[in-house]
Amino acid sequence: MKKTVLALSLLIGLGATAASYAALPQTVRIGTDTTYAPFSSKDAKGDFVGFDIDLGNEMCQRMQVKCTWVASDFDALIPSLKAKKNRCHYFIALYYR
């Protein structure tokens, strides 16, 4: 009985994982606060640079999607996500206050 329940749980979990993977968008928008160099900032050309940016780009590469970066104030990241007023799929931001 326990083995049957375990097997069914695994099958349901794998099915849910496959369904969520199939629903991934082709372009992922990632929000970050660009005032915390060397983790996340903009260079002289206005491009996003830093550890958080490298991490997000690697995630997008492994998910085989295109990354689009969105600059946002840190204090607005979580409230905008809760209010569902965000234009981002993910956030990468350092918190060390």
PDB file of N, CA and C in Angstrom:
ATOM      1  N   MET A   1       0.826  -1.202   0.000  1.00  0.00           N
ATOM      2  CA  MET A   1       0.000   0.000   0.000  1.00  0.00           C
ATOM      3  C   MET A   1       0.863   1.256   0.000  1.00  0.00           C
ATOM      4  N   LYS A   2       1.891   1.256   0.868  1.00  0.00           N
ATOM      5  CA  LYS A   2       2.759   2.436   0.944  1.00  0.00           C
ATOM      6  C   LYS A   2       3.513   2.644  -0.364  1.00  0.00           C
ATOM      7  N   LYS A   3       3.923   1.545  -0.997  1.00  0.00           N
ATOM      8  CA  LYS A   3       4.650   1.666  -2.261  1.00  0.00           C
ATOM      9  C   LYS A   3       3.746   2.219  -3.363  1.00  0.00           C
ATOM     10  N   THR A   4       2.500   1.830  -3.345  1.00  0.00           N
ATOM     11  CA  THR A   4       1.553   2.323  -4.340  1.00  0.00           C
ATOM     12  C   THR A   4       1.323   3.823  -4.174  1.00  0.00           C
ATOM     13  N   VAL A   5       1.153   4.253  -2.938  1.00  0.00           N
ATOM     14  CA  VAL A   5       0.950   5.675  -2.664  1.00  0.00           C
ATOM     15  C   VAL A   5       2.185   6.468  -3.069  1.00  0.00           C
ATOM     16  N   LEU A   6       3.364   5.943  -2.759  1.00  0.00           N
ATOM     17  CA  LEU A   6       4.606   6.609  -3.132  1.00  0.00           C
ATOM     18  C   LEU A   6       4.738   6.709  -4.651  1.00  0.00           C
ATOM     19  N   ALA A   7       4.438   5.622  -5.350  1.00  0.00           N
ATOM     20  CA  ALA A   7       4.538   5.623  -6.806  1.00  0.00           C
ATOM     21  C   ALA A   7       3.563   6.627  -7.427  1.00  0.00           C
ATOM     22  N   LEU A   8       2.338   6.660  -6.923  1.00  0.00           N
ATOM     23  CA  LEU A   8       1.359   7.618  -7.440  1.00  0.00           C
ATOM     24  C   LEU A   8       1.780   9.051  -7.155  1.00  0.00           C
ATOM     25  N   SER A   9       2.330   9.286  -5.981  1.00  0.00           N
ATOM     26  CA  SER A   9       2.802  10.631  -5.635  1.00  0.00           C
ATOM     27  C   SER A   9       3.911  11.079  -6.574  1.00  0.00           C
ATOM     28  N   LEU A  10       4.839  10.179  -6.865  1.00  0.00           N
ATOM     29  CA  LEU A  10       5.930  10.506  -7.782  1.00  0.00           C
ATOM     30  C   LEU A  10       5.409  10.799  -9.188  1.00  0.00           C
ATOM     31  N   LEU A  11       4.459  10.004  -9.652  1.00  0.00           N
ATOM     32  CA  LEU A  11       3.901  10.232 -10.988  1.00  0.00           C
ATOM     33  C   LEU A  11       3.173  11.567 -11.069  1.00  0.00           C
ATOM     34  N   ILE A  12       2.421  11.896 -10.042  1.00  0.00           N
ATOM     35  CA  ILE A  12       1.719  13.179 -10.028  1.00  0.00           C
ATOM     36  C   ILE A  12       2.724  14.324  -9.996  1.00  0.00           C
ATOM     37  N   GLY A  13       3.770  14.180  -9.178  1.00  0.00           N
ATOM     38  CA  GLY A  13       4.801  15.214  -9.093  1.00  0.00           C
ATOM     39  C   GLY A  13       5.528  15.407 -10.405  1.00  0.00           C
ATOM     40  N   LEU A  14       5.865  14.317 -11.068  1.00  0.00           N
ATOM     41  CA  LEU A  14       6.546  14.418 -12.360  1.00  0.00           C
ATOM     42  C   LEU A  14       5.637  15.040 -13.412  1.00  0.00           C
ATOM     43  N   GLY A  15       4.365  14.701 -13.381  1.00  0.00           N
ATOM     44  CA  GLY A  15       3.418  15.294 -14.322  1.00  0.00           C
ATOM     45  C   GLY A  15       3.275  16.787 -14.113  1.00  0.00           C
ATOM     46  N   ALA A  16       3.234  17.203 -12.857  1.00  0.00           N
ATOM     47  CA  ALA A  16       3.124  18.635 -12.554  1.00  0.00           C
ATOM     48  C   ALA A  16       4.378  19.376 -12.993  1.00  0.00           C
ATOM     49  N   THR A  17       5.534  18.747 -12.812  1.00  0.00           N
ATOM     50  CA  THR A  17       6.788  19.368 -13.233  1.00  0.00           C
ATOM     51  C   THR A  17       6.821  19.534 -14.747  1.00  0.00           C
ATOM     52  N   ALA A  18       6.422  18.511 -15.462  1.00  0.00           N
ATOM     53  CA  ALA A  18       6.421  18.585 -16.923  1.00  0.00           C
ATOM     54  C   ALA A  18       5.440  19.643 -17.414  1.00  0.00           C
ATOM     55  N   ALA A  19       4.282  19.728 -16.780  1.00  0.00           N
ATOM     56  CA  ALA A  19       3.289  20.722 -17.193  1.00  0.00           C
ATOM     57  C   ALA A  19       3.785  22.139 -16.937  1.00  0.00           C
ATOM     58  N   SER A  20       4.448  22.351 -15.817  1.00  0.00           N
ATOM     59  CA  SER A  20       4.945  23.696 -15.531  1.00  0.00           C
ATOM     60  C   SER A  20       6.110  24.050 -16.443  1.00  0.00           C
ATOM     61  N   TYR A  21       6.932  23.080 -16.818  1.00  0.00           N
ATOM     62  CA  TYR A  21       8.033  23.347 -17.737  1.00  0.00           C
ATOM     63  C   TYR A  21       7.496  23.704 -19.119  1.00  0.00           C
ATOM     64  N   ALA A  22       6.426  23.046 -19.532  1.00  0.00           N
ATOM     65  CA  ALA A  22       5.850  23.313 -20.846  1.00  0.00           C
ATOM     66  C   ALA A  22       5.269  24.721 -20.921  1.00  0.00           C
ATOM     67  N   ALA A  23       4.929  25.301 -19.772  1.00  0.00           N
ATOM     68  CA  ALA A  23       4.301  26.617 -19.755  1.00  0.00           C
ATOM     69  C   ALA A  23       5.313  27.759 -19.652  1.00  0.00           C
ATOM     70  N   LEU A  24       6.604  27.464 -19.719  1.00  0.00           N
ATOM     71  CA  LEU A  24       7.605  28.522 -19.619  1.00  0.00           C
ATOM     72  C   LEU A  24       7.507  29.469 -20.812  1.00  0.00           C
ATOM     73  N   PRO A  25       7.582  30.771 -20.557  1.00  0.00           N
ATOM     74  CA  PRO A  25       7.561  31.721 -21.672  1.00  0.00           C
ATOM     75  C   PRO A  25       8.885  31.686 -22.436  1.00  0.00           C
ATOM     76  N   GLN A  26       8.884  32.190 -23.647  1.00  0.00           N
ATOM     77  CA  GLN A  26      10.110  32.236 -24.444  1.00  0.00           C
ATOM     78  C   GLN A  26      11.023  33.368 -24.009  1.00  0.00           C
ATOM     79  N   THR A  27      10.463  34.404 -23.407  1.00  0.00           N
ATOM     80  CA  THR A  27      11.236  35.522 -22.869  1.00  0.00           C
ATOM     81  C   THR A  27      10.889  35.682 -21.401  1.00  0.00           C
ATOM     82  N   VAL A  28      11.915  35.726 -20.560  1.00  0.00           N
ATOM     83  CA  VAL A  28      11.720  35.871 -19.121  1.00  0.00           C
ATOM     84  C   VAL A  28      12.214  37.248 -18.701  1.00  0.00           C
ATOM     85  N   ARG A  29      11.369  37.990 -18.001  1.00  0.00           N
ATOM     86  CA  ARG A  29      11.741  39.309 -17.489  1.00  0.00           C
ATOM     87  C   ARG A  29      12.197  39.152 -16.044  1.00  0.00           C
ATOM     88  N   ILE A  30      13.407  39.633 -15.768  1.00  0.00           N
ATOM     89  CA  ILE A  30      13.975  39.543 -14.423  1.00  0.00           C
ATOM     90  C   ILE A  30      14.206  40.949 -13.901  1.00  0.00           C
ATOM     91  N   GLY A  31      13.642  41.240 -12.748  1.00  0.00           N
ATOM     92  CA  GLY A  31      13.817  42.545 -12.123  1.00  0.00           C
ATOM     93  C   GLY A  31      14.967  42.535 -11.137  1.00  0.00           C
ATOM     94  N   THR A  32      15.689  43.637 -11.061  1.00  0.00           N
ATOM     95  CA  THR A  32      16.793  43.761 -10.119  1.00  0.00           C
ATOM     96  C   THR A  32      17.011  45.229  -9.769  1.00  0.00           C
ATOM     97  N   ASP A  33      17.584  45.444  -8.597  1.00  0.00           N
ATOM     98  CA  ASP A  33      17.959  46.795  -8.173  1.00  0.00           C
ATOM     99  C   ASP A  33      19.399  47.005  -8.614  1.00  0.00           C
ATOM    100  N   THR A  34      19.652  48.025  -9.398  1.00  0.00           N
ATOM    101  CA  THR A  34      20.977  48.213 -10.001  1.00  0.00           C
ATOM    102  C   THR A  34      21.886  49.136  -9.198  1.00  0.00           C
ATOM    103  N   THR A  35      21.636  49.282  -7.909  1.00  0.00           N
ATOM    104  CA  THR A  35      22.465  50.185  -7.101  1.00  0.00           C
ATOM    105  C   THR A  35      23.422  49.442  -6.183  1.00  0.00           C
ATOM    106  N   TYR A  36      23.575  48.137  -6.366  1.00  0.00           N
ATOM    107  CA  TYR A  36      24.409  47.344  -5.464  1.00  0.00           C
ATOM    108  C   TYR A  36      25.562  46.666  -6.203  1.00  0.00           C
ATOM    109  N   ALA A  37      26.486  47.454  -6.733  1.00  0.00           N
ATOM    110  CA  ALA A  37      27.679  46.883  -7.372  1.00  0.00           C
ATOM    111  C   ALA A  37      28.503  46.186  -6.292  1.00  0.00           C
ATOM    112  N   PRO A  38      29.156  45.130  -6.568  1.00  0.00           N
ATOM    113  CA  PRO A  38      29.355  44.408  -7.832  1.00  0.00           C
ATOM    114  C   PRO A  38      28.281  43.372  -8.120  1.00  0.00           C
ATOM    115  N   PHE A  39      27.238  43.318  -7.314  1.00  0.00           N
ATOM    116  CA  PHE A  39      26.203  42.308  -7.523  1.00  0.00           C
ATOM    117  C   PHE A  39      25.274  42.663  -8.679  1.00  0.00           C
ATOM    118  N   SER A  40      24.845  43.894  -8.731  1.00  0.00           N
ATOM    119  CA  SER A  40      23.931  44.314  -9.781  1.00  0.00           C
ATOM    120  C   SER A  40      24.075  45.816  -9.997  1.00  0.00           C
ATOM    121  N   SER A  41      24.463  46.186 -11.209  1.00  0.00           N
ATOM    122  CA  SER A  41      24.616  47.606 -11.535  1.00  0.00           C
ATOM    123  C   SER A  41      24.554  47.754 -13.055  1.00  0.00           C
ATOM    124  N   LYS A  42      24.714  48.986 -13.512  1.00  0.00           N
ATOM    125  CA  LYS A  42      24.778  49.252 -14.948  1.00  0.00           C
ATOM    126  C   LYS A  42      26.145  49.837 -15.264  1.00  0.00           C
ATOM    127  N   ASP A  43      26.695  49.446 -16.407  1.00  0.00           N
ATOM    128  CA  ASP A  43      27.990  49.985 -16.808  1.00  0.00           C
ATOM    129  C   ASP A  43      27.794  51.317 -17.534  1.00  0.00           C
ATOM    130  N   ALA A  44      28.888  51.863 -18.074  1.00  0.00           N
ATOM    131  CA  ALA A  44      28.846  53.173 -18.736  1.00  0.00           C
ATOM    132  C   ALA A  44      27.932  53.178 -19.963  1.00  0.00           C
ATOM    133  N   LYS A  45      27.758  52.013 -20.593  1.00  0.00           N
ATOM    134  CA  LYS A  45      26.892  51.917 -21.769  1.00  0.00           C
ATOM    135  C   LYS A  45      25.429  51.677 -21.403  1.00  0.00           C
ATOM    136  N   GLY A  46      25.151  51.491 -20.111  1.00  0.00           N
ATOM    137  CA  GLY A  46      23.780  51.238 -19.677  1.00  0.00           C
ATOM    138  C   GLY A  46      23.397  49.774 -19.651  1.00  0.00           C
ATOM    139  N   ASP A  47      24.379  48.886 -19.859  1.00  0.00           N
ATOM    140  CA  ASP A  47      24.118  47.449 -19.810  1.00  0.00           C
ATOM    141  C   ASP A  47      24.150  46.964 -18.364  1.00  0.00           C
ATOM    142  N   PHE A  48      23.342  45.964 -18.059  1.00  0.00           N
ATOM    143  CA  PHE A  48      23.332  45.366 -16.732  1.00  0.00           C
ATOM    144  C   PHE A  48      24.580  44.507 -16.556  1.00  0.00           C
ATOM    145  N   VAL A  49      25.265  44.661 -15.423  1.00  0.00           N
ATOM    146  CA  VAL A  49      26.465  43.878 -15.126  1.00  0.00           C
ATOM    147  C   VAL A  49      26.445  43.482 -13.653  1.00  0.00           C
ATOM    148  N   GLY A  50      27.200  42.421 -13.337  1.00  0.00           N
ATOM    149  CA  GLY A  50      27.350  42.016 -11.950  1.00  0.00           C
ATOM    150  C   GLY A  50      27.059  40.540 -11.738  1.00  0.00           C
ATOM    151  N   PHE A  51      27.284  40.088 -10.502  1.00  0.00           N
ATOM    152  CA  PHE A  51      27.097  38.686 -10.138  1.00  0.00           C
ATOM    153  C   PHE A  51      25.642  38.250 -10.331  1.00  0.00           C
ATOM    154  N   ASP A  52      24.698  39.050  -9.852  1.00  0.00           N
ATOM    155  CA  ASP A  52      23.284  38.697  -9.998  1.00  0.00           C
ATOM    156  C   ASP A  52      22.888  38.592 -11.466  1.00  0.00           C
ATOM    157  N   ILE A  53      23.438  39.459 -12.288  1.00  0.00           N
ATOM    158  CA  ILE A  53      23.133  39.450 -13.721  1.00  0.00           C
ATOM    159  C   ILE A  53      23.695  38.185 -14.363  1.00  0.00           C
ATOM    160  N   ASP A  54      24.936  37.830 -13.999  1.00  0.00           N
ATOM    161  CA  ASP A  54      25.538  36.602 -14.516  1.00  0.00           C
ATOM    162  C   ASP A  54      24.725  35.378 -14.101  1.00  0.00           C
ATOM    163  N   LEU A  55      24.254  35.368 -12.854  1.00  0.00           N
ATOM    164  CA  LEU A  55      23.444  34.260 -12.353  1.00  0.00           C
ATOM    165  C   LEU A  55      22.130  34.156 -13.131  1.00  0.00           C
ATOM    166  N   GLY A  56      21.462  35.274 -13.329  1.00  0.00           N
ATOM    167  CA  GLY A  56      20.207  35.274 -14.083  1.00  0.00           C
ATOM    168  C   GLY A  56      20.391  34.864 -15.529  1.00  0.00           C
ATOM    169  N   ASN A  57      21.459  35.332 -16.163  1.00  0.00           N
ATOM    170  CA  ASN A  57      21.734  34.945 -17.551  1.00  0.00           C
ATOM    171  C   ASN A  57      22.002  33.451 -17.659  1.00  0.00           C
ATOM    172  N   GLU A  58      22.708  32.892 -16.680  1.00  0.00           N
ATOM    173  CA  GLU A  58      22.969  31.449 -16.675  1.00  0.00           C
ATOM    174  C   GLU A  58      21.669  30.668 -16.495  1.00  0.00           C
ATOM    175  N   MET A  59      20.790  31.145 -15.619  1.00  0.00           N
ATOM    176  CA  MET A  59      19.493  30.487 -15.434  1.00  0.00           C
ATOM    177  C   MET A  59      18.702  30.490 -16.738  1.00  0.00           C
ATOM    178  N   CYS A  60      18.677  31.622 -17.416  1.00  0.00           N
ATOM    179  CA  CYS A  60      17.943  31.721 -18.680  1.00  0.00           C
ATOM    180  C   CYS A  60      18.548  30.814 -19.744  1.00  0.00           C
ATOM    181  N   GLN A  61      19.865  30.739 -19.767  1.00  0.00           N
ATOM    182  CA  GLN A  61      20.530  29.876 -20.741  1.00  0.00           C
ATOM    183  C   GLN A  61      20.161  28.416 -20.491  1.00  0.00           C
ATOM    184  N   ARG A  62      20.139  28.005 -19.231  1.00  0.00           N
ATOM    185  CA  ARG A  62      19.793  26.615 -18.916  1.00  0.00           C
ATOM    186  C   ARG A  62      18.322  26.316 -19.165  1.00  0.00           C
ATOM    187  N   MET A  63      17.455  27.322 -19.018  1.00  0.00           N
ATOM    188  CA  MET A  63      16.029  27.140 -19.310  1.00  0.00           C
ATOM    189  C   MET A  63      15.741  27.309 -20.799  1.00  0.00           C
ATOM    190  N   GLN A  64      16.753  27.739 -21.554  1.00  0.00           N
ATOM    191  CA  GLN A  64      16.649  27.968 -22.998  1.00  0.00           C
ATOM    192  C   GLN A  64      15.580  29.018 -23.321  1.00  0.00           C
ATOM    193  N   VAL A  65      15.658  30.132 -22.584  1.00  0.00           N
ATOM    194  CA  VAL A  65      14.778  31.277 -22.829  1.00  0.00           C
ATOM    195  C   VAL A  65      15.631  32.529 -22.941  1.00  0.00           C
ATOM    196  N   LYS A  66      15.040  33.596 -23.453  1.00  0.00           N
ATOM    197  CA  LYS A  66      15.741  34.870 -23.576  1.00  0.00           C
ATOM    198  C   LYS A  66      15.503  35.686 -22.311  1.00  0.00           C
ATOM    199  N   CYS A  67      16.564  36.299 -21.790  1.00  0.00           N
ATOM    200  CA  CYS A  67      16.473  37.149 -20.595  1.00  0.00           C
ATOM    201  C   CYS A  67      16.237  38.597 -20.989  1.00  0.00           C
ATOM    202  N   THR A  68      15.317  39.238 -20.316  1.00  0.00           N
ATOM    203  CA  THR A  68      15.128  40.673 -20.424  1.00  0.00           C
ATOM    204  C   THR A  68      15.214  41.232 -19.015  1.00  0.00           C
ATOM    205  N   TRP A  69      16.130  42.180 -18.797  1.00  0.00           N
ATOM    206  CA  TRP A  69      16.354  42.741 -17.464  1.00  0.00           C
ATOM    207  C   TRP A  69      15.551  44.012 -17.271  1.00  0.00           C
ATOM    208  N   VAL A  70      14.990  44.156 -16.068  1.00  0.00           N
ATOM    209  CA  VAL A  70      14.187  45.326 -15.719  1.00  0.00           C
ATOM    210  C   VAL A  70      14.753  45.922 -14.437  1.00  0.00           C
ATOM    211  N   ALA A  71      15.141  47.203 -14.490  1.00  0.00           N
ATOM    212  CA  ALA A  71      15.655  47.886 -13.295  1.00  0.00           C
ATOM    213  C   ALA A  71      14.480  48.332 -12.434  1.00  0.00           C
ATOM    214  N   SER A  72      14.601  48.084 -11.136  1.00  0.00           N
ATOM    215  CA  SER A  72      13.543  48.465 -10.208  1.00  0.00           C
ATOM    216  C   SER A  72      14.167  48.811  -8.866  1.00  0.00           C
ATOM    217  N   ASP A  73      13.529  49.681  -8.118  1.00  0.00           N
ATOM    218  CA  ASP A  73      13.989  50.022  -6.778  1.00  0.00           C
ATOM    219  C   ASP A  73      13.754  48.828  -5.858  1.00  0.00           C
ATOM    220  N   PHE A  74      14.709  48.540  -4.971  1.00  0.00           N
ATOM    221  CA  PHE A  74      14.599  47.372  -4.105  1.00  0.00           C
ATOM    222  C   PHE A  74      13.335  47.410  -3.254  1.00  0.00           C
ATOM    223  N   ASP A  75      13.011  48.570  -2.707  1.00  0.00           N
ATOM    224  CA  ASP A  75      11.842  48.684  -1.837  1.00  0.00           C
ATOM    225  C   ASP A  75      10.532  48.424  -2.578  1.00  0.00           C
ATOM    226  N   ALA A  76      10.554  48.488  -3.893  1.00  0.00           N
ATOM    227  CA  ALA A  76       9.339  48.264  -4.680  1.00  0.00           C
ATOM    228  C   ALA A  76       9.214  46.827  -5.174  1.00  0.00           C
ATOM    229  N   LEU A  77      10.257  46.017  -5.037  1.00  0.00           N
ATOM    230  CA  LEU A  77      10.232  44.675  -5.608  1.00  0.00           C
ATOM    231  C   LEU A  77       9.124  43.807  -5.014  1.00  0.00           C
ATOM    232  N   ILE A  78       9.149  43.583  -3.713  1.00  0.00           N
ATOM    233  CA  ILE A  78       8.181  42.693  -3.075  1.00  0.00           C
ATOM    234  C   ILE A  78       6.762  43.278  -3.075  1.00  0.00           C
ATOM    235  N   PRO A  79       6.575  44.561  -2.706  1.00  0.00           N
ATOM    236  CA  PRO A  79       5.207  45.094  -2.757  1.00  0.00           C
ATOM    237  C   PRO A  79       4.565  45.012  -4.144  1.00  0.00           C
ATOM    238  N   SER A  80       5.339  45.235  -5.192  1.00  0.00           N
ATOM    239  CA  SER A  80       4.767  45.154  -6.538  1.00  0.00           C
ATOM    240  C   SER A  80       4.422  43.717  -6.905  1.00  0.00           C
ATOM    241  N   LEU A  81       5.196  42.767  -6.401  1.00  0.00           N
ATOM    242  CA  LEU A  81       4.888  41.361  -6.644  1.00  0.00           C
ATOM    243  C   LEU A  81       3.600  40.972  -5.924  1.00  0.00           C
ATOM    244  N   LYS A  82       3.460  41.411  -4.668  1.00  0.00           N
ATOM    245  CA  LYS A  82       2.248  41.103  -3.904  1.00  0.00           C
ATOM    246  C   LYS A  82       1.015  41.756  -4.512  1.00  0.00           C
ATOM    247  N   ALA A  83       1.169  42.957  -5.032  1.00  0.00           N
ATOM    248  CA  ALA A  83       0.042  43.675  -5.632  1.00  0.00           C
ATOM    249  C   ALA A  83      -0.243  43.213  -7.059  1.00  0.00           C
ATOM    250  N   LYS A  84       0.582  42.297  -7.560  1.00  0.00           N
ATOM    251  CA  LYS A  84       0.456  41.785  -8.934  1.00  0.00           C
ATOM    252  C   LYS A  84       0.508  42.912  -9.956  1.00  0.00           C
ATOM    253  N   LYS A  85       1.310  43.918  -9.645  1.00  0.00           N
ATOM    254  CA  LYS A  85       1.488  45.045 -10.562  1.00  0.00           C
ATOM    255  C   LYS A  85       2.873  44.996 -11.192  1.00  0.00           C
ATOM    256  N   ASN A  86       3.419  43.819 -11.246  1.00  0.00           N
ATOM    257  CA  ASN A  86       4.786  43.726 -11.713  1.00  0.00           C
ATOM    258  C   ASN A  86       4.852  43.294 -13.156  1.00  0.00           C
ATOM    259  N   ARG A  87       5.879  43.737 -13.792  1.00  0.00           N
ATOM    260  CA  ARG A  87       6.110  43.356 -15.179  1.00  0.00           C
ATOM    261  C   ARG A  87       7.239  42.346 -15.279  1.00  0.00           C
ATOM    262  N   CYS A  88       7.594  41.695 -14.159  1.00  0.00           N
ATOM    263  CA  CYS A  88       8.699  40.730 -14.125  1.00  0.00           C
ATOM    264  C   CYS A  88       8.193  39.340 -13.752  1.00  0.00           C
ATOM    265  N   HIS A  89       8.904  38.333 -14.254  1.00  0.00           N
ATOM    266  CA  HIS A  89       8.629  36.959 -13.856  1.00  0.00           C
ATOM    267  C   HIS A  89       9.402  36.595 -12.593  1.00  0.00           C
ATOM    268  N   TYR A  90      10.625  37.112 -12.464  1.00  0.00           N
ATOM    269  CA  TYR A  90      11.500  36.796 -11.337  1.00  0.00           C
ATOM    270  C   TYR A  90      12.176  38.062 -10.846  1.00  0.00           C
ATOM    271  N   PHE A  91      12.720  37.975  -9.639  1.00  0.00           N
ATOM    272  CA  PHE A  91      13.552  39.041  -9.090  1.00  0.00           C
ATOM    273  C   PHE A  91      14.862  38.441  -8.627  1.00  0.00           C
ATOM    274  N   ILE A  92      15.940  39.149  -8.873  1.00  0.00           N
ATOM    275  CA  ILE A  92      17.233  38.804  -8.299  1.00  0.00           C
ATOM    276  C   ILE A  92      17.751  40.082  -7.673  1.00  0.00           C
ATOM    277  N   ALA A  93      17.876  40.073  -6.359  1.00  0.00           N
ATOM    278  CA  ALA A  93      18.342  41.277  -5.670  1.00  0.00           C
ATOM    279  C   ALA A  93      19.013  40.879  -4.363  1.00  0.00           C
ATOM    280  N   LEU A  94      20.061  41.578  -4.040  1.00  0.00           N
ATOM    281  CA  LEU A  94      20.781  41.339  -2.796  1.00  0.00           C
ATOM    282  C   LEU A  94      20.127  42.136  -1.685  1.00  0.00           C
ATOM    283  N   TYR A  95      19.975  41.505  -0.543  1.00  0.00           N
ATOM    284  CA  TYR A  95      19.406  42.202   0.614  1.00  0.00           C
ATOM    285  C   TYR A  95      20.409  42.113   1.755  1.00  0.00           C
ATOM    286  N   TYR A  96      20.982  43.241   2.129  1.00  0.00           N
ATOM    287  CA  TYR A  96      21.966  43.224   3.215  1.00  0.00           C
ATOM    288  C   TYR A  96      21.839  44.428   4.125  1.00  0.00           C
ATOM    289  N   ARG A  97      20.671  44.945   4.288  1.00  0.00           N
ATOM    290  CA  ARG A  97      20.498  46.132   5.123  1.00  0.00           C
ATOM    291  C   ARG A  97      20.687  45.828   6.575  1.00  0.00           C
TER     292      ARG A  97
END
